[in-house]
């Protein structure tokens, strides 16, 4: 199924806090069909292993490696890879609300 929402988390050397962000994203209430792109911006810690562990249990999580440094490069890599018509960005240190994806989807349905 094609996702309606692509959620992007750009990260760099934040393996220690990434679990919290991903946990909040996979436990969304009434979420539309979605994918979660975690863009590793060339981390030197075990970020890749953390994402792969989550992806092995949650197929909507996709690991994207962007070796060129900088948030703009990471975000552009995500936009190129996104399959959904709506792309939402969050940060690796954010714990989104349980209805975050549903509210984004509702907002686009109202305008659209």
PDB file of N, CA and C in Angstrom:
ATOM      1  N   UNK A   1       0.843  -1.191   0.000  1.00  0.00           N
ATOM      2  CA  UNK A   1       0.000   0.000   0.000  1.00  0.00           C
ATOM      3  C   UNK A   1       0.886   1.252   0.000  1.00  0.00           C
ATOM      4  N   UNK A   2       0.532   2.191  -0.816  1.00  0.00           N
ATOM      5  CA  UNK A   2       1.267   3.449  -0.876  1.00  0.00           C
ATOM      6  C   UNK A   2       0.924   4.291   0.350  1.00  0.00           C
ATOM      7  N   UNK A   3       1.944   4.803   1.030  1.00  0.00           N
ATOM      8  CA  UNK A   3       1.658   5.615   2.216  1.00  0.00           C
ATOM      9  C   UNK A   3       1.034   6.959   1.852  1.00  0.00           C
ATOM     10  N   UNK A   4       0.240   7.475   2.760  1.00  0.00           N
ATOM     11  CA  UNK A   4      -0.326   8.815   2.609  1.00  0.00           C
ATOM     12  C   UNK A   4       0.552   9.867   3.271  1.00  0.00           C
ATOM     13  N   UNK A   5       1.424   9.411   4.178  1.00  0.00           N
ATOM     14  CA  UNK A   5       2.278  10.314   4.947  1.00  0.00           C
ATOM     15  C   UNK A   5       3.669   9.712   5.052  1.00  0.00           C
ATOM     16  N   UNK A   6       4.669  10.528   4.776  1.00  0.00           N
ATOM     17  CA  UNK A   6       6.056  10.172   5.042  1.00  0.00           C
ATOM     18  C   UNK A   6       6.526  11.021   6.206  1.00  0.00           C
ATOM     19  N   UNK A   7       6.999  10.368   7.253  1.00  0.00           N
ATOM     20  CA  UNK A   7       7.565  11.056   8.407  1.00  0.00           C
ATOM     21  C   UNK A   7       9.077  10.934   8.308  1.00  0.00           C
ATOM     22  N   UNK A   8       9.767  12.043   8.486  1.00  0.00           N
ATOM     23  CA  UNK A   8      11.218  12.077   8.358  1.00  0.00           C
ATOM     24  C   UNK A   8      11.853  12.468   9.688  1.00  0.00           C
ATOM     25  N   UNK A   9      12.844  11.664  10.074  1.00  0.00           N
ATOM     26  CA  UNK A   9      13.676  11.973  11.239  1.00  0.00           C
ATOM     27  C   UNK A   9      15.114  12.017  10.747  1.00  0.00           C
ATOM     28  N   UNK A  10      15.694  13.201  10.713  1.00  0.00           N
ATOM     29  CA  UNK A  10      17.101  13.337  10.353  1.00  0.00           C
ATOM     30  C   UNK A  10      17.908  13.248  11.641  1.00  0.00           C
ATOM     31  N   UNK A  11      19.021  12.527  11.589  1.00  0.00           N
ATOM     32  CA  UNK A  11      19.793  12.318  12.810  1.00  0.00           C
ATOM     33  C   UNK A  11      21.277  12.249  12.508  1.00  0.00           C
ATOM     34  N   UNK A  12      22.058  12.588  13.505  1.00  0.00           N
ATOM     35  CA  UNK A  12      23.512  12.516  13.403  1.00  0.00           C
ATOM     36  C   UNK A  12      24.085  12.271  14.790  1.00  0.00           C
ATOM     37  N   UNK A  13      24.666  11.084  14.961  1.00  0.00           N
ATOM     38  CA  UNK A  13      25.317  10.708  16.231  1.00  0.00           C
ATOM     39  C   UNK A  13      24.386  10.836  17.435  1.00  0.00           C
ATOM     40  N   UNK A  14      23.132  10.449  17.268  1.00  0.00           N
ATOM     41  CA  UNK A  14      22.166  10.545  18.370  1.00  0.00           C
ATOM     42  C   UNK A  14      21.567   9.178  18.708  1.00  0.00           C
ATOM     43  N   UNK A  15      22.340   8.120  18.537  1.00  0.00           N
ATOM     44  CA  UNK A  15      21.854   6.764  18.804  1.00  0.00           C
ATOM     45  C   UNK A  15      21.295   6.638  20.215  1.00  0.00           C
ATOM     46  N   UNK A  16      21.883   7.344  21.159  1.00  0.00           N
ATOM     47  CA  UNK A  16      21.474   7.226  22.560  1.00  0.00           C
ATOM     48  C   UNK A  16      20.054   7.727  22.807  1.00  0.00           C
ATOM     49  N   UNK A  17      19.547   8.614  21.955  1.00  0.00           N
ATOM     50  CA  UNK A  17      18.203   9.153  22.195  1.00  0.00           C
ATOM     51  C   UNK A  17      17.191   8.781  21.112  1.00  0.00           C
ATOM     52  N   UNK A  18      17.638   8.103  20.086  1.00  0.00           N
ATOM     53  CA  UNK A  18      16.778   7.799  18.945  1.00  0.00           C
ATOM     54  C   UNK A  18      15.639   6.840  19.294  1.00  0.00           C
ATOM     55  N   UNK A  19      15.860   5.934  20.227  1.00  0.00           N
ATOM     56  CA  UNK A  19      14.815   4.983  20.623  1.00  0.00           C
ATOM     57  C   UNK A  19      13.530   5.696  21.037  1.00  0.00           C
ATOM     58  N   UNK A  20      13.652   6.758  21.794  1.00  0.00           N
ATOM     59  CA  UNK A  20      12.466   7.478  22.264  1.00  0.00           C
ATOM     60  C   UNK A  20      11.656   8.077  21.128  1.00  0.00           C
ATOM     61  N   UNK A  21      12.343   8.658  20.171  1.00  0.00           N
ATOM     62  CA  UNK A  21      11.645   9.259  19.021  1.00  0.00           C
ATOM     63  C   UNK A  21      10.936   8.188  18.202  1.00  0.00           C
ATOM     64  N   UNK A  22      11.618   7.077  17.948  1.00  0.00           N
ATOM     65  CA  UNK A  22      11.019   6.016  17.140  1.00  0.00           C
ATOM     66  C   UNK A  22       9.871   5.328  17.878  1.00  0.00           C
ATOM     67  N   UNK A  23      10.012   5.160  19.174  1.00  0.00           N
ATOM     68  CA  UNK A  23       8.934   4.559  19.954  1.00  0.00           C
ATOM     69  C   UNK A  23       7.656   5.401  19.848  1.00  0.00           C
ATOM     70  N   UNK A  24       7.792   6.701  19.970  1.00  0.00           N
ATOM     71  CA  UNK A  24       6.619   7.584  19.864  1.00  0.00           C
ATOM     72  C   UNK A  24       5.996   7.501  18.473  1.00  0.00           C
ATOM     73  N   UNK A  25       6.811   7.336  17.453  1.00  0.00           N
ATOM     74  CA  UNK A  25       6.286   7.286  16.081  1.00  0.00           C
ATOM     75  C   UNK A  25       5.591   5.964  15.767  1.00  0.00           C
ATOM     76  N   UNK A  26       6.092   4.862  16.287  1.00  0.00           N
ATOM     77  CA  UNK A  26       5.458   3.576  15.965  1.00  0.00           C
ATOM     78  C   UNK A  26       4.222   3.309  16.810  1.00  0.00           C
ATOM     79  N   UNK A  27       4.015   4.092  17.839  1.00  0.00           N
ATOM     80  CA  UNK A  27       2.837   3.905  18.692  1.00  0.00           C
ATOM     81  C   UNK A  27       1.789   5.002  18.487  1.00  0.00           C
ATOM     82  N   UNK A  28       1.623   5.431  17.262  1.00  0.00           N
ATOM     83  CA  UNK A  28       0.638   6.459  16.930  1.00  0.00           C
ATOM     84  C   UNK A  28      -0.777   5.890  16.925  1.00  0.00           C
ATOM     85  N   UNK A  29      -1.716   6.677  17.377  1.00  0.00           N
ATOM     86  CA  UNK A  29      -3.126   6.293  17.391  1.00  0.00           C
ATOM     87  C   UNK A  29      -3.789   6.762  16.096  1.00  0.00           C
ATOM     88  N   UNK A  30      -4.525   5.872  15.461  1.00  0.00           N
ATOM     89  CA  UNK A  30      -5.287   6.201  14.251  1.00  0.00           C
ATOM     90  C   UNK A  30      -4.430   6.833  13.161  1.00  0.00           C
ATOM     91  N   UNK A  31      -3.218   6.355  13.027  1.00  0.00           N
ATOM     92  CA  UNK A  31      -2.313   6.906  12.015  1.00  0.00           C
ATOM     93  C   UNK A  31      -2.740   6.470  10.617  1.00  0.00           C
ATOM     94  N   UNK A  32      -2.593   7.346   9.639  1.00  0.00           N
ATOM     95  CA  UNK A  32      -2.857   6.953   8.250  1.00  0.00           C
ATOM     96  C   UNK A  32      -1.744   6.011   7.782  1.00  0.00           C
ATOM     97  N   UNK A  33      -1.920   5.369   6.637  1.00  0.00           N
ATOM     98  CA  UNK A  33      -0.815   4.584   6.083  1.00  0.00           C
ATOM     99  C   UNK A  33       0.412   5.493   5.938  1.00  0.00           C
ATOM    100  N   UNK A  34       1.534   5.030   6.451  1.00  0.00           N
ATOM    101  CA  UNK A  34       2.701   5.910   6.496  1.00  0.00           C
ATOM    102  C   UNK A  34       3.992   5.110   6.398  1.00  0.00           C
ATOM    103  N   UNK A  35       5.047   5.860   6.161  1.00  0.00           N
ATOM    104  CA  UNK A  35       6.406   5.346   6.252  1.00  0.00           C
ATOM    105  C   UNK A  35       7.192   6.311   7.125  1.00  0.00           C
ATOM    106  N   UNK A  36       8.215   5.786   7.780  1.00  0.00           N
ATOM    107  CA  UNK A  36       9.083   6.602   8.633  1.00  0.00           C
ATOM    108  C   UNK A  36      10.491   6.474   8.068  1.00  0.00           C
ATOM    109  N   UNK A  37      11.017   7.565   7.532  1.00  0.00           N
ATOM    110  CA  UNK A  37      12.373   7.576   7.006  1.00  0.00           C
ATOM    111  C   UNK A  37      13.304   8.151   8.055  1.00  0.00           C
ATOM    112  N   UNK A  38      14.271   7.364   8.463  1.00  0.00           N
ATOM    113  CA  UNK A  38      15.284   7.853   9.384  1.00  0.00           C
ATOM    114  C   UNK A  38      16.535   8.087   8.559  1.00  0.00           C
ATOM    115  N   UNK A  39      16.902   9.356   8.427  1.00  0.00           N
ATOM    116  CA  UNK A  39      18.045   9.722   7.598  1.00  0.00           C
ATOM    117  C   UNK A  39      19.251   9.928   8.499  1.00  0.00           C
ATOM    118  N   UNK A  40      20.196   9.014   8.364  1.00  0.00           N
ATOM    119  CA  UNK A  40      21.453   9.060   9.108  1.00  0.00           C
ATOM    120  C   UNK A  40      22.410   9.932   8.314  1.00  0.00           C
ATOM    121  N   UNK A  41      22.772  11.048   8.897  1.00  0.00           N
ATOM    122  CA  UNK A  41      23.608  12.023   8.187  1.00  0.00           C
ATOM    123  C   UNK A  41      25.095  11.767   8.436  1.00  0.00           C
ATOM    124  N   UNK A  42      25.494  10.490   8.283  1.00  0.00           N
ATOM    125  CA  UNK A  42      26.908  10.132   8.405  1.00  0.00           C
ATOM    126  C   UNK A  42      27.366   9.930   9.831  1.00  0.00           C
ATOM    127  N   UNK A  43      26.513   9.390  10.674  1.00  0.00           N
ATOM    128  CA  UNK A  43      26.855   9.182  12.087  1.00  0.00           C
ATOM    129  C   UNK A  43      28.061   8.268  12.243  1.00  0.00           C
ATOM    130  N   UNK A  44      28.785   8.495  13.333  1.00  0.00           N
ATOM    131  CA  UNK A  44      29.944   7.659  13.663  1.00  0.00           C
ATOM    132  C   UNK A  44      29.669   6.794  14.886  1.00  0.00           C
ATOM    133  N   UNK A  45      28.478   6.918  15.447  1.00  0.00           N
ATOM    134  CA  UNK A  45      28.095   6.052  16.569  1.00  0.00           C
ATOM    135  C   UNK A  45      27.292   4.876  16.001  1.00  0.00           C
ATOM    136  N   UNK A  46      26.485   4.243  16.800  1.00  0.00           N
ATOM    137  CA  UNK A  46      25.726   3.075  16.345  1.00  0.00           C
ATOM    138  C   UNK A  46      24.292   3.424  15.933  1.00  0.00           C
ATOM    139  N   UNK A  47      24.114   4.609  15.374  1.00  0.00           N
ATOM    140  CA  UNK A  47      22.793   5.033  14.880  1.00  0.00           C
ATOM    141  C   UNK A  47      22.220   4.038  13.885  1.00  0.00           C
ATOM    142  N   UNK A  48      23.009   3.607  12.940  1.00  0.00           N
ATOM    143  CA  UNK A  48      22.535   2.662  11.930  1.00  0.00           C
ATOM    144  C   UNK A  48      22.004   1.380  12.553  1.00  0.00           C
ATOM    145  N   UNK A  49      22.694   0.862  13.550  1.00  0.00           N
ATOM    146  CA  UNK A  49      22.255  -0.363  14.227  1.00  0.00           C
ATOM    147  C   UNK A  49      20.942  -0.147  14.966  1.00  0.00           C
ATOM    148  N   UNK A  50      20.784   1.020  15.581  1.00  0.00           N
ATOM    149  CA  UNK A  50      19.531   1.327  16.287  1.00  0.00           C
ATOM    150  C   UNK A  50      18.370   1.336  15.292  1.00  0.00           C
ATOM    151  N   UNK A  51      18.548   2.014  14.179  1.00  0.00           N
ATOM    152  CA  UNK A  51      17.481   2.099  13.179  1.00  0.00           C
ATOM    153  C   UNK A  51      17.184   0.719  12.599  1.00  0.00           C
ATOM    154  N   UNK A  52      18.206  -0.048  12.287  1.00  0.00           N
ATOM    155  CA  UNK A  52      17.992  -1.383  11.720  1.00  0.00           C
ATOM    156  C   UNK A  52      17.242  -2.287  12.703  1.00  0.00           C
ATOM    157  N   UNK A  53      17.506  -2.163  13.992  1.00  0.00           N
ATOM    158  CA  UNK A  53      16.791  -2.943  15.006  1.00  0.00           C
ATOM    159  C   UNK A  53      15.310  -2.597  14.972  1.00  0.00           C
ATOM    160  N   UNK A  54      14.991  -1.305  14.915  1.00  0.00           N
ATOM    161  CA  UNK A  54      13.595  -0.872  14.845  1.00  0.00           C
ATOM    162  C   UNK A  54      12.957  -1.323  13.530  1.00  0.00           C
ATOM    163  N   UNK A  55      13.680  -1.177  12.438  1.00  0.00           N
ATOM    164  CA  UNK A  55      13.136  -1.536  11.126  1.00  0.00           C
ATOM    165  C   UNK A  55      12.852  -3.034  11.020  1.00  0.00           C
ATOM    166  N   UNK A  56      13.608  -3.837  11.718  1.00  0.00           N
ATOM    167  CA  UNK A  56      13.378  -5.289  11.663  1.00  0.00           C
ATOM    168  C   UNK A  56      12.048  -5.670  12.306  1.00  0.00           C
ATOM    169  N   UNK A  57      11.556  -4.839  13.205  1.00  0.00           N
ATOM    170  CA  UNK A  57      10.278  -5.098  13.875  1.00  0.00           C
ATOM    171  C   UNK A  57       9.137  -4.255  13.332  1.00  0.00           C
ATOM    172  N   UNK A  58       9.460  -3.187  12.632  1.00  0.00           N
ATOM    173  CA  UNK A  58       8.453  -2.249  12.130  1.00  0.00           C
ATOM    174  C   UNK A  58       8.793  -1.923  10.677  1.00  0.00           C
ATOM    175  N   UNK A  59       8.150  -2.626   9.733  1.00  0.00           N
ATOM    176  CA  UNK A  59       8.533  -2.458   8.324  1.00  0.00           C
ATOM    177  C   UNK A  59       8.281  -1.074   7.743  1.00  0.00           C
ATOM    178  N   UNK A  60       7.521  -0.237   8.440  1.00  0.00           N
ATOM    179  CA  UNK A  60       7.305   1.123   7.942  1.00  0.00           C
ATOM    180  C   UNK A  60       8.527   2.019   8.181  1.00  0.00           C
ATOM    181  N   UNK A  61       9.487   1.519   8.959  1.00  0.00           N
ATOM    182  CA  UNK A  61      10.714   2.286   9.212  1.00  0.00           C
ATOM    183  C   UNK A  61      11.751   1.920   8.159  1.00  0.00           C
ATOM    184  N   UNK A  62      12.308   2.964   7.541  1.00  0.00           N
ATOM    185  CA  UNK A  62      13.298   2.787   6.483  1.00  0.00           C
ATOM    186  C   UNK A  62      14.548   3.584   6.849  1.00  0.00           C
ATOM    187  N   UNK A  63      15.687   2.919   6.786  1.00  0.00           N
ATOM    188  CA  UNK A  63      16.972   3.569   7.047  1.00  0.00           C
ATOM    189  C   UNK A  63      17.497   4.168   5.754  1.00  0.00           C
ATOM    190  N   UNK A  64      17.872   5.434   5.809  1.00  0.00           N
ATOM    191  CA  UNK A  64      18.446   6.133   4.658  1.00  0.00           C
ATOM    192  C   UNK A  64      19.771   6.731   5.106  1.00  0.00           C
ATOM    193  N   UNK A  65      20.838   6.384   4.429  1.00  0.00           N
ATOM    194  CA  UNK A  65      22.149   6.954   4.742  1.00  0.00           C
ATOM    195  C   UNK A  65      22.430   8.102   3.787  1.00  0.00           C
ATOM    196  N   UNK A  66      22.704   9.263   4.349  1.00  0.00           N
ATOM    197  CA  UNK A  66      23.107  10.432   3.554  1.00  0.00           C
ATOM    198  C   UNK A  66      24.461  10.882   4.086  1.00  0.00           C
ATOM    199  N   UNK A  67      25.550  10.516   3.391  1.00  0.00           N
ATOM    200  CA  UNK A  67      26.879  10.821   3.903  1.00  0.00           C
ATOM    201  C   UNK A  67      27.302  12.288   3.776  1.00  0.00           C
ATOM    202  N   UNK A  68      26.645  13.035   2.873  1.00  0.00           N
ATOM    203  CA  UNK A  68      27.017  14.453   2.751  1.00  0.00           C
ATOM    204  C   UNK A  68      26.534  15.181   3.999  1.00  0.00           C
ATOM    205  N   UNK A  69      27.405  15.918   4.662  1.00  0.00           N
ATOM    206  CA  UNK A  69      27.028  16.555   5.925  1.00  0.00           C
ATOM    207  C   UNK A  69      26.045  17.710   5.739  1.00  0.00           C
ATOM    208  N   UNK A  70      25.228  17.883   6.748  1.00  0.00           N
ATOM    209  CA  UNK A  70      24.326  19.027   6.791  1.00  0.00           C
ATOM    210  C   UNK A  70      22.863  18.634   6.740  1.00  0.00           C
ATOM    211  N   UNK A  71      22.071  19.365   7.514  1.00  0.00           N
ATOM    212  CA  UNK A  71      20.643  19.086   7.602  1.00  0.00           C
ATOM    213  C   UNK A  71      19.957  19.220   6.248  1.00  0.00           C
ATOM    214  N   UNK A  72      20.347  20.193   5.448  1.00  0.00           N
ATOM    215  CA  UNK A  72      19.727  20.361   4.131  1.00  0.00           C
ATOM    216  C   UNK A  72      19.947  19.127   3.265  1.00  0.00           C
ATOM    217  N   UNK A  73      21.137  18.576   3.290  1.00  0.00           N
ATOM    218  CA  UNK A  73      21.414  17.349   2.517  1.00  0.00           C
ATOM    219  C   UNK A  73      20.559  16.197   3.024  1.00  0.00           C
ATOM    220  N   UNK A  74      20.447  16.069   4.329  1.00  0.00           N
ATOM    221  CA  UNK A  74      19.642  14.991   4.912  1.00  0.00           C
ATOM    222  C   UNK A  74      18.172  15.145   4.534  1.00  0.00           C
ATOM    223  N   UNK A  75      17.660  16.342   4.644  1.00  0.00           N
ATOM    224  CA  UNK A  75      16.248  16.564   4.302  1.00  0.00           C
ATOM    225  C   UNK A  75      15.993  16.341   2.813  1.00  0.00           C
ATOM    226  N   UNK A  76      16.901  16.797   1.974  1.00  0.00           N
ATOM    227  CA  UNK A  76      16.738  16.585   0.536  1.00  0.00           C
ATOM    228  C   UNK A  76      16.780  15.099   0.184  1.00  0.00           C
ATOM    229  N   UNK A  77      17.629  14.334   0.854  1.00  0.00           N
ATOM    230  CA  UNK A  77      17.672  12.884   0.629  1.00  0.00           C
ATOM    231  C   UNK A  77      16.334  12.264   1.003  1.00  0.00           C
ATOM    232  N   UNK A  78      15.733  12.726   2.078  1.00  0.00           N
ATOM    233  CA  UNK A  78      14.436  12.209   2.509  1.00  0.00           C
ATOM    234  C   UNK A  78      13.344  12.532   1.498  1.00  0.00           C
ATOM    235  N   UNK A  79      13.328  13.749   1.018  1.00  0.00           N
ATOM    236  CA  UNK A  79      12.300  14.152   0.054  1.00  0.00           C
ATOM    237  C   UNK A  79      12.438  13.337  -1.233  1.00  0.00           C
ATOM    238  N   UNK A  80      13.671  13.081  -1.659  1.00  0.00           N
ATOM    239  CA  UNK A  80      13.874  12.255  -2.858  1.00  0.00           C
ATOM    240  C   UNK A  80      13.366  10.830  -2.651  1.00  0.00           C
ATOM    241  N   UNK A  81      13.475  10.325  -1.439  1.00  0.00           N
ATOM    242  CA  UNK A  81      13.106   8.934  -1.137  1.00  0.00           C
ATOM    243  C   UNK A  81      11.630   8.778  -0.749  1.00  0.00           C
ATOM    244  N   UNK A  82      10.984   9.862  -0.332  1.00  0.00           N
ATOM    245  CA  UNK A  82       9.602   9.799   0.161  1.00  0.00           C
ATOM    246  C   UNK A  82       8.654   9.268  -0.902  1.00  0.00           C
ATOM    247  N   UNK A  83       7.710   8.418  -0.471  1.00  0.00           N
ATOM    248  CA  UNK A  83       6.719   7.860  -1.386  1.00  0.00           C
ATOM    249  C   UNK A  83       5.350   8.500  -1.206  1.00  0.00           C
ATOM    250  N   UNK A  84       5.141   9.247  -0.142  1.00  0.00           N
ATOM    251  CA  UNK A  84       3.826   9.819   0.155  1.00  0.00           C
ATOM    252  C   UNK A  84       3.713  11.243  -0.374  1.00  0.00           C
ATOM    253  N   UNK A  85       2.477  11.694  -0.586  1.00  0.00           N
ATOM    254  CA  UNK A  85       2.280  13.065  -1.068  1.00  0.00           C
ATOM    255  C   UNK A  85       2.494  14.120   0.020  1.00  0.00           C
ATOM    256  N   UNK A  86       2.467  13.699   1.281  1.00  0.00           N
ATOM    257  CA  UNK A  86       2.683  14.618   2.391  1.00  0.00           C
ATOM    258  C   UNK A  86       3.922  14.157   3.152  1.00  0.00           C
ATOM    259  N   UNK A  87       4.832  15.092   3.410  1.00  0.00           N
ATOM    260  CA  UNK A  87       6.057  14.800   4.141  1.00  0.00           C
ATOM    261  C   UNK A  87       6.078  15.672   5.394  1.00  0.00           C
ATOM    262  N   UNK A  88       6.261  15.017   6.541  1.00  0.00           N
ATOM    263  CA  UNK A  88       6.321  15.725   7.821  1.00  0.00           C
ATOM    264  C   UNK A  88       7.682  15.462   8.461  1.00  0.00           C
ATOM    265  N   UNK A  89       8.278  16.503   8.986  1.00  0.00           N
ATOM    266  CA  UNK A  89       9.595  16.386   9.607  1.00  0.00           C
ATOM    267  C   UNK A  89       9.464  16.495  11.120  1.00  0.00           C
ATOM    268  N   UNK A  90      10.229  15.671  11.819  1.00  0.00           N
ATOM    269  CA  UNK A  90      10.375  15.801  13.259  1.00  0.00           C
ATOM    270  C   UNK A  90      11.852  15.586  13.564  1.00  0.00           C
ATOM    271  N   UNK A  91      12.240  15.787  14.810  1.00  0.00           N
ATOM    272  CA  UNK A  91      13.646  15.679  15.186  1.00  0.00           C
ATOM    273  C   UNK A  91      13.885  14.456  16.059  1.00  0.00           C
ATOM    274  N   UNK A  92      15.143  14.039  16.115  1.00  0.00           N
ATOM    275  CA  UNK A  92      15.495  12.850  16.871  1.00  0.00           C
ATOM    276  C   UNK A  92      15.353  13.019  18.383  1.00  0.00           C
ATOM    277  N   UNK A  93      15.240  14.246  18.847  1.00  0.00           N
ATOM    278  CA  UNK A  93      15.063  14.479  20.282  1.00  0.00           C
ATOM    279  C   UNK A  93      13.619  14.837  20.643  1.00  0.00           C
ATOM    280  N   UNK A  94      12.700  14.645  19.708  1.00  0.00           N
ATOM    281  CA  UNK A  94      11.287  14.974  19.929  1.00  0.00           C
ATOM    282  C   UNK A  94      10.500  13.685  20.153  1.00  0.00           C
ATOM    283  N   UNK A  95       9.569  13.752  21.072  1.00  0.00           N
ATOM    284  CA  UNK A  95       8.613  12.660  21.300  1.00  0.00           C
ATOM    285  C   UNK A  95       7.258  13.201  20.885  1.00  0.00           C
ATOM    286  N   UNK A  96       6.830  12.853  19.668  1.00  0.00           N
ATOM    287  CA  UNK A  96       5.583  13.407  19.146  1.00  0.00           C
ATOM    288  C   UNK A  96       4.402  12.901  19.966  1.00  0.00           C
ATOM    289  N   UNK A  97       3.317  13.685  19.944  1.00  0.00           N
ATOM    290  CA  UNK A  97       2.086  13.303  20.645  1.00  0.00           C
ATOM    291  C   UNK A  97       1.513  12.046  19.997  1.00  0.00           C
ATOM    292  N   UNK A  98       0.757  11.255  20.768  1.00  0.00           N
ATOM    293  CA  UNK A  98       0.208   9.996  20.242  1.00  0.00           C
ATOM    294  C   UNK A  98      -0.718  10.160  19.036  1.00  0.00           C
ATOM    295  N   UNK A  99      -1.266  11.347  18.833  1.00  0.00           N
ATOM    296  CA  UNK A  99      -2.162  11.576  17.695  1.00  0.00           C
ATOM    297  C   UNK A  99      -1.536  12.483  16.640  1.00  0.00           C
ATOM    298  N   UNK A 100      -0.246  12.653  16.684  1.00  0.00           N
ATOM    299  CA  UNK A 100       0.453  13.582  15.798  1.00  0.00           C
ATOM    300  C   UNK A 100       0.189  13.281  14.320  1.00  0.00           C
ATOM    301  N   UNK A 101       0.370  12.039  13.899  1.00  0.00           N
ATOM    302  CA  UNK A 101       0.151  11.689  12.488  1.00  0.00           C
ATOM    303  C   UNK A 101      -1.314  11.839  12.097  1.00  0.00           C
ATOM    304  N   UNK A 102      -2.219  11.438  12.955  1.00  0.00           N
ATOM    305  CA  UNK A 102      -3.652  11.567  12.660  1.00  0.00           C
ATOM    306  C   UNK A 102      -4.030  13.030  12.479  1.00  0.00           C
ATOM    307  N   UNK A 103      -3.465  13.894  13.302  1.00  0.00           N
ATOM    308  CA  UNK A 103      -3.786  15.328  13.190  1.00  0.00           C
ATOM    309  C   UNK A 103      -3.242  15.925  11.895  1.00  0.00           C
ATOM    310  N   UNK A 104      -2.063  15.496  11.482  1.00  0.00           N
ATOM    311  CA  UNK A 104      -1.513  15.961  10.205  1.00  0.00           C
ATOM    312  C   UNK A 104      -2.423  15.506   9.064  1.00  0.00           C
ATOM    313  N   UNK A 105      -2.798  14.250   9.083  1.00  0.00           N
ATOM    314  CA  UNK A 105      -3.671  13.705   8.050  1.00  0.00           C
ATOM    315  C   UNK A 105      -5.012  14.433   8.023  1.00  0.00           C
ATOM    316  N   UNK A 106      -5.592  14.664   9.190  1.00  0.00           N
ATOM    317  CA  UNK A 106      -6.875  15.387   9.278  1.00  0.00           C
ATOM    318  C   UNK A 106      -6.760  16.799   8.695  1.00  0.00           C
ATOM    319  N   UNK A 107      -5.661  17.467   8.999  1.00  0.00           N
ATOM    320  CA  UNK A 107      -5.478  18.836   8.494  1.00  0.00           C
ATOM    321  C   UNK A 107      -5.441  18.850   6.967  1.00  0.00           C
ATOM    322  N   UNK A 108      -4.748  17.905   6.370  1.00  0.00           N
ATOM    323  CA  UNK A 108      -4.683  17.864   4.916  1.00  0.00           C
ATOM    324  C   UNK A 108      -6.007  17.450   4.292  1.00  0.00           C
ATOM    325  N   UNK A 109      -6.755  16.612   4.961  1.00  0.00           N
ATOM    326  CA  UNK A 109      -8.082  16.243   4.451  1.00  0.00           C
ATOM    327  C   UNK A 109      -9.015  17.454   4.456  1.00  0.00           C
ATOM    328  N   UNK A 110      -8.896  18.301   5.454  1.00  0.00           N
ATOM    329  CA  UNK A 110      -9.763  19.488   5.557  1.00  0.00           C
ATOM    330  C   UNK A 110      -9.472  20.505   4.461  1.00  0.00           C
ATOM    331  N   UNK A 111      -8.230  20.626   4.048  1.00  0.00           N
ATOM    332  CA  UNK A 111      -7.902  21.617   3.021  1.00  0.00           C
ATOM    333  C   UNK A 111      -7.971  21.035   1.618  1.00  0.00           C
ATOM    334  N   UNK A 112      -8.128  19.709   1.544  1.00  0.00           N
ATOM    335  CA  UNK A 112      -8.028  19.161   0.347  1.00  0.00           C
ATOM    336  C   UNK A 112      -8.651  18.518  -0.669  1.00  0.00           C
TER     337      UNK A 112
END
